[in-house]
């Protein structure tokens, strides 16, 4: 999702990045293309279960970071005119 957010930030500046996404087959590019070009309503369901892998002191992933990424995506997508809803499960 970090890569999707990076693409979203670029897209919000240029609004022309879709040309670069057209032939890419990596997951982040495919998700970004769907979110930017094909979606009108987007629902994010965020789980709050603790993943033991993320508890490792060497891991840089945390619930706060994940939620921050989703909140930034929510703002960018809303600015694009998308209806975005974030639900905590």
Protein backbone atom coordinates (compact mmCIF):
# COMPACT_ATOMS: atom_id res chain seq x y z
CA UNK A 1 0.00 0.00 0.00
CA UNK A 2 3.00 2.28 0.48
CA UNK A 3 3.71 2.03 -3.24
CA UNK A 4 0.05 2.72 -4.06
CA UNK A 5 0.25 5.85 -1.90
CA UNK A 6 3.43 6.95 -3.69
CA UNK A 7 1.71 6.51 -7.07
CA UNK A 8 -1.36 8.36 -5.75
CA UNK A 9 0.77 11.32 -4.68
CA UNK A 10 2.36 11.48 -8.14
CA UNK A 11 -1.03 11.11 -9.80
CA UNK A 12 -2.53 13.92 -7.74
CA UNK A 13 0.22 16.26 -8.97
CA UNK A 14 0.28 15.34 -12.68
CA UNK A 15 -3.07 13.60 -13.32
CA UNK A 16 -1.32 11.92 -16.24
CA UNK A 17 0.39 9.00 -14.58
CA UNK A 18 -2.31 6.66 -15.89
CA UNK A 19 -0.34 6.41 -19.11
CA UNK A 20 2.50 4.88 -17.11
CA UNK A 21 0.13 2.48 -15.34
CA UNK A 22 -1.47 1.09 -18.47
CA UNK A 23 1.08 -1.65 -19.17
CA UNK A 24 2.42 -2.28 -15.68
CA UNK A 25 1.51 -5.57 -14.06
CA UNK A 26 2.87 -5.12 -10.53
CA UNK A 27 0.24 -5.20 -7.79
CA UNK A 28 0.55 -1.56 -6.72
CA UNK A 29 0.17 -0.25 -10.27
CA UNK A 30 -2.83 -2.48 -10.91
CA UNK A 31 -4.51 -1.37 -7.65
CA UNK A 32 -3.74 2.28 -8.42
CA UNK A 33 -5.22 2.01 -11.92
CA UNK A 34 -8.43 0.51 -10.50
CA UNK A 35 -8.67 3.15 -7.74
CA UNK A 36 -7.94 6.13 -10.01
CA UNK A 37 -9.64 5.17 -13.25
CA UNK A 38 -12.33 2.58 -12.58
CA UNK A 39 -13.69 3.25 -9.09
CA UNK A 40 -16.25 5.75 -7.90
CA UNK A 41 -16.87 4.32 -4.42
CA UNK A 42 -14.05 2.84 -2.34
CA UNK A 43 -14.38 1.04 0.99
CA UNK A 44 -11.30 0.30 3.08
CA UNK A 45 -11.79 -2.27 5.85
CA UNK A 46 -8.96 -1.97 8.36
CA UNK A 47 -8.43 -4.81 10.80
CA UNK A 48 -6.91 -4.05 14.17
CA UNK A 49 -5.67 -7.54 15.01
CA UNK A 50 -2.04 -7.64 16.03
CA UNK A 51 0.14 -9.51 13.58
CA UNK A 52 2.96 -11.25 15.52
CA UNK A 53 5.35 -10.58 12.64
CA UNK A 54 4.79 -6.85 13.09
CA UNK A 55 5.64 -7.10 16.79
CA UNK A 56 9.22 -7.95 15.91
CA UNK A 57 11.43 -5.06 16.98
CA UNK A 58 13.19 -5.21 13.58
CA UNK A 59 9.93 -4.71 11.69
CA UNK A 60 9.12 -1.20 10.49
CA UNK A 61 5.41 -1.94 10.00
CA UNK A 62 2.95 -0.83 12.64
CA UNK A 63 -0.78 -0.35 12.86
CA UNK A 64 -0.26 3.41 13.13
CA UNK A 65 1.80 3.48 9.95
CA UNK A 66 -0.73 1.33 8.07
CA UNK A 67 -3.60 3.54 9.22
CA UNK A 68 -1.65 6.66 8.23
CA UNK A 69 -1.16 5.30 4.72
CA UNK A 70 -4.88 4.57 4.38
CA UNK A 71 -5.81 8.03 5.71
CA UNK A 72 -3.48 9.70 3.19
CA UNK A 73 -4.96 7.59 0.39
CA UNK A 74 -8.45 8.49 1.61
CA UNK A 75 -7.63 12.21 1.33
CA UNK A 76 -6.10 11.94 -2.15
CA UNK A 77 -8.94 9.78 -3.45
CA UNK A 78 -11.55 12.12 -1.95
CA UNK A 79 -9.81 15.05 -3.63
CA UNK A 80 -10.19 13.12 -6.91
CA UNK A 81 -13.94 13.06 -6.33
CA UNK A 82 -14.14 9.46 -5.12
CA UNK A 83 -16.54 8.45 -2.35
CA UNK A 84 -14.24 6.89 0.24
CA UNK A 85 -15.21 5.15 3.46
CA UNK A 86 -12.77 3.75 6.02
CA UNK A 87 -14.12 1.16 8.46
CA UNK A 88 -12.25 -0.25 11.41
CA UNK A 89 -13.01 -3.93 11.95
